Amino acid sequence: MIATFDRNGVRFQYPTNWSLDFEDGDGGWTATVQSQELSFVLVSLRADADAPAMLADEALAALREEYKELDAETFVGAFQGLPAIGHDINFLTVDTAIECRTRAVESPAGPLLVMTQASEYDRDKNGIVLEAILASFRFEEGES
């Protein structure tokens, strides 16, 4: 089964066997959709951010603090029809290799960060699911 997240003109679909955690905050919100393993998608609207690039840089800096030896390549392109900036990131935890991608866009509601992460242990199972979630993103004007 498929569930739909829809808030502030940001809409995406995810499997119902993945859990959704939502936090409202000052100037925005964060939604995290987590697999039963380690894979997840984090979506964060930050209307208080100056620009999407700021969100991408903050995410990379936070990961660098935690994982000193990570590899990151800058991404500049598009995400679901919107200009995007972000990073393709690889790092090691104590027991596994992690692949992480960030994409930051100017959504109709403000700067939005989308981050996906999968470990080497669940990438085969959940990589295609992460791609389907990303492909389902739609951006529309207006509140929801």
Foldseek 3Di string as FASTA:
>chain_A
DKDWDDWQQKIWIADPQWDWDKDADVQWIKIKTGHPDGKIKIKIFHQPDPFQVVVQVVVVVVVCVVFVDKDWDWDFDDQPRFTWIHIFIWGDDPPWIKTKIWIWGQALSGIMIMMIMDTPVCCVPCVVRVVRRSVRIGGDHDGD
